[in-house]
Amino acid sequence: MPQLKVKPWFPILALIWFIFLTILPHKVLAYSYPNRFSPQTSGDLVSSPWTWWWH
């Protein structure tokens, strides 16, 4: 069975995990957002209870 032969697929799997764990986190963390997030309101949110006309 070709799935049980470690030679072809294990180096590819190890290389992909090496890329995922070393190179990609640096690229993702280096991304800068063009706009900074800021809250729209500084006060507490006021909500009214729902009125159900069938109750």
N, C-alpha and C. Protein backbone atom coordinates (compact mmCIF):
# COMPACT_ATOMS: atom_id res chain seq x y z
N MET A 1 0.84 -1.18 0.00
CA MET A 1 0.00 0.00 0.00
C MET A 1 0.89 1.24 0.00
N PRO A 2 0.67 2.15 -0.92
CA PRO A 2 1.54 3.32 -1.02
C PRO A 2 1.40 4.30 0.15
N GLN A 3 0.29 4.28 0.87
CA GLN A 3 0.12 5.20 1.99
C GLN A 3 1.08 4.88 3.13
N LEU A 4 1.50 3.64 3.25
CA LEU A 4 2.34 3.23 4.35
C LEU A 4 3.83 3.47 4.09
N LYS A 5 4.18 3.83 2.88
CA LYS A 5 5.57 4.14 2.57
C LYS A 5 5.85 5.58 3.01
N VAL A 6 6.75 5.73 3.97
CA VAL A 6 7.00 7.03 4.58
C VAL A 6 7.83 7.94 3.68
N LYS A 7 8.61 7.39 2.82
CA LYS A 7 9.57 8.16 2.04
C LYS A 7 8.92 9.30 1.23
N PRO A 8 7.85 9.11 0.49
CA PRO A 8 7.37 10.22 -0.35
C PRO A 8 6.63 11.32 0.40
N TRP A 9 5.80 10.99 1.36
CA TRP A 9 4.93 12.02 1.92
C TRP A 9 5.43 12.64 3.20
N PHE A 10 6.29 11.97 3.96
CA PHE A 10 6.72 12.53 5.24
C PHE A 10 7.59 13.78 5.09
N PRO A 11 8.57 13.84 4.17
CA PRO A 11 9.33 15.09 4.01
C PRO A 11 8.46 16.27 3.57
N ILE A 12 7.48 16.00 2.74
CA ILE A 12 6.56 17.06 2.32
C ILE A 12 5.75 17.56 3.50
N LEU A 13 5.24 16.64 4.31
CA LEU A 13 4.47 17.01 5.50
C LEU A 13 5.33 17.81 6.47
N ALA A 14 6.56 17.37 6.70
CA ALA A 14 7.45 18.08 7.62
C ALA A 14 7.79 19.47 7.08
N LEU A 15 8.00 19.61 5.80
CA LEU A 15 8.31 20.91 5.21
C LEU A 15 7.12 21.87 5.33
N ILE A 16 5.94 21.37 5.08
CA ILE A 16 4.74 22.22 5.19
C ILE A 16 4.55 22.69 6.62
N TRP A 17 4.73 21.81 7.59
CA TRP A 17 4.59 22.22 9.00
C TRP A 17 5.70 23.18 9.40
N PHE A 18 6.89 23.00 8.86
CA PHE A 18 7.98 23.94 9.13
C PHE A 18 7.62 25.34 8.62
N ILE A 19 7.04 25.39 7.42
CA ILE A 19 6.62 26.68 6.87
C ILE A 19 5.51 27.28 7.72
N PHE A 20 4.53 26.47 8.10
CA PHE A 20 3.41 26.98 8.90
C PHE A 20 3.88 27.51 10.25
N LEU A 21 4.84 26.86 10.87
CA LEU A 21 5.23 27.23 12.23
C LEU A 21 6.33 28.29 12.30
N THR A 22 7.02 28.55 11.21
CA THR A 22 8.12 29.51 11.27
C THR A 22 7.89 30.74 10.41
N ILE A 23 7.54 30.56 9.17
CA ILE A 23 7.48 31.69 8.24
C ILE A 23 6.14 32.41 8.29
N LEU A 24 5.05 31.68 8.26
CA LEU A 24 3.75 32.32 8.19
C LEU A 24 3.37 33.14 9.41
N PRO A 25 3.64 32.72 10.66
CA PRO A 25 3.27 33.59 11.79
C PRO A 25 3.97 34.94 11.74
N HIS A 26 5.21 34.98 11.29
CA HIS A 26 5.92 36.25 11.18
C HIS A 26 5.24 37.15 10.15
N LYS A 27 4.82 36.59 9.03
CA LYS A 27 4.16 37.39 8.01
C LYS A 27 2.80 37.88 8.48
N VAL A 28 2.07 37.06 9.20
CA VAL A 28 0.75 37.45 9.68
C VAL A 28 0.87 38.53 10.76
N LEU A 29 1.81 38.38 11.68
CA LEU A 29 1.97 39.36 12.75
C LEU A 29 2.55 40.67 12.25
N ALA A 30 3.24 40.66 11.13
CA ALA A 30 3.81 41.89 10.59
C ALA A 30 2.79 42.72 9.82
N TYR A 31 1.61 42.18 9.58
CA TYR A 31 0.58 42.91 8.85
C TYR A 31 0.10 44.08 9.68
N SER A 32 0.00 45.24 9.07
CA SER A 32 -0.49 46.42 9.79
C SER A 32 -1.86 46.80 9.22
N TYR A 33 -2.77 47.10 10.10
CA TYR A 33 -4.11 47.49 9.70
C TYR A 33 -4.10 48.97 9.30
N PRO A 34 -4.75 49.33 8.20
CA PRO A 34 -4.75 50.74 7.79
C PRO A 34 -5.56 51.63 8.73
N ASN A 35 -6.59 51.10 9.33
CA ASN A 35 -7.43 51.88 10.23
C ASN A 35 -7.40 51.26 11.61
N ARG A 36 -7.24 52.09 12.62
CA ARG A 36 -7.28 51.61 13.99
C ARG A 36 -8.73 51.50 14.43
N PHE A 37 -9.03 50.47 15.18
CA PHE A 37 -10.38 50.28 15.68
C PHE A 37 -10.59 51.18 16.89
N SER A 38 -11.73 51.85 16.91
CA SER A 38 -12.07 52.69 18.05
C SER A 38 -13.55 52.52 18.35
N PRO A 39 -13.92 52.55 19.61
CA PRO A 39 -15.34 52.40 19.94
C PRO A 39 -16.14 53.60 19.46
N GLN A 40 -17.34 53.35 18.99
CA GLN A 40 -18.19 54.42 18.48
C GLN A 40 -18.76 55.28 19.60
N THR A 41 -19.12 54.65 20.70
CA THR A 41 -19.68 55.38 21.83
C THR A 41 -18.90 55.02 23.07
N SER A 42 -18.78 55.97 23.96
CA SER A 42 -18.04 55.70 25.19
C SER A 42 -18.98 55.33 26.34
N GLY A 43 -20.28 55.50 26.16
CA GLY A 43 -21.24 55.21 27.23
C GLY A 43 -21.74 53.78 27.16
N ASP A 44 -22.58 53.44 28.12
CA ASP A 44 -23.18 52.10 28.14
C ASP A 44 -24.29 52.01 27.10
N LEU A 45 -24.50 50.83 26.60
CA LEU A 45 -25.57 50.62 25.64
C LEU A 45 -26.91 50.54 26.37
N VAL A 46 -27.90 51.21 25.83
CA VAL A 46 -29.24 51.20 26.42
C VAL A 46 -30.13 50.40 25.49
N SER A 47 -30.74 49.38 26.04
CA SER A 47 -31.64 48.57 25.23
C SER A 47 -33.01 48.53 25.87
N SER A 48 -34.01 48.49 25.03
CA SER A 48 -35.38 48.40 25.54
C SER A 48 -35.86 46.96 25.38
N PRO A 49 -36.73 46.50 26.27
CA PRO A 49 -37.23 45.13 26.15
C PRO A 49 -38.11 44.97 24.92
N TRP A 50 -38.09 43.78 24.39
CA TRP A 50 -38.91 43.51 23.23
C TRP A 50 -40.36 43.40 23.65
N THR A 51 -41.23 43.88 22.80
CA THR A 51 -42.67 43.73 23.05
C THR A 51 -43.22 42.76 22.01
N TRP A 52 -43.74 41.66 22.51
CA TRP A 52 -44.30 40.65 21.63
C TRP A 52 -45.81 40.84 21.62
N TRP A 53 -46.38 41.12 20.48
CA TRP A 53 -47.80 41.43 20.39
C TRP A 53 -48.68 40.20 20.61
N TRP A 54 -48.14 38.99 20.48
CA TRP A 54 -48.98 37.80 20.68
C TRP A 54 -48.95 37.32 22.12
N HIS A 55 -48.23 37.96 23.02
CA HIS A 55 -48.23 37.57 24.43
C HIS A 55 -49.02 38.55 25.24
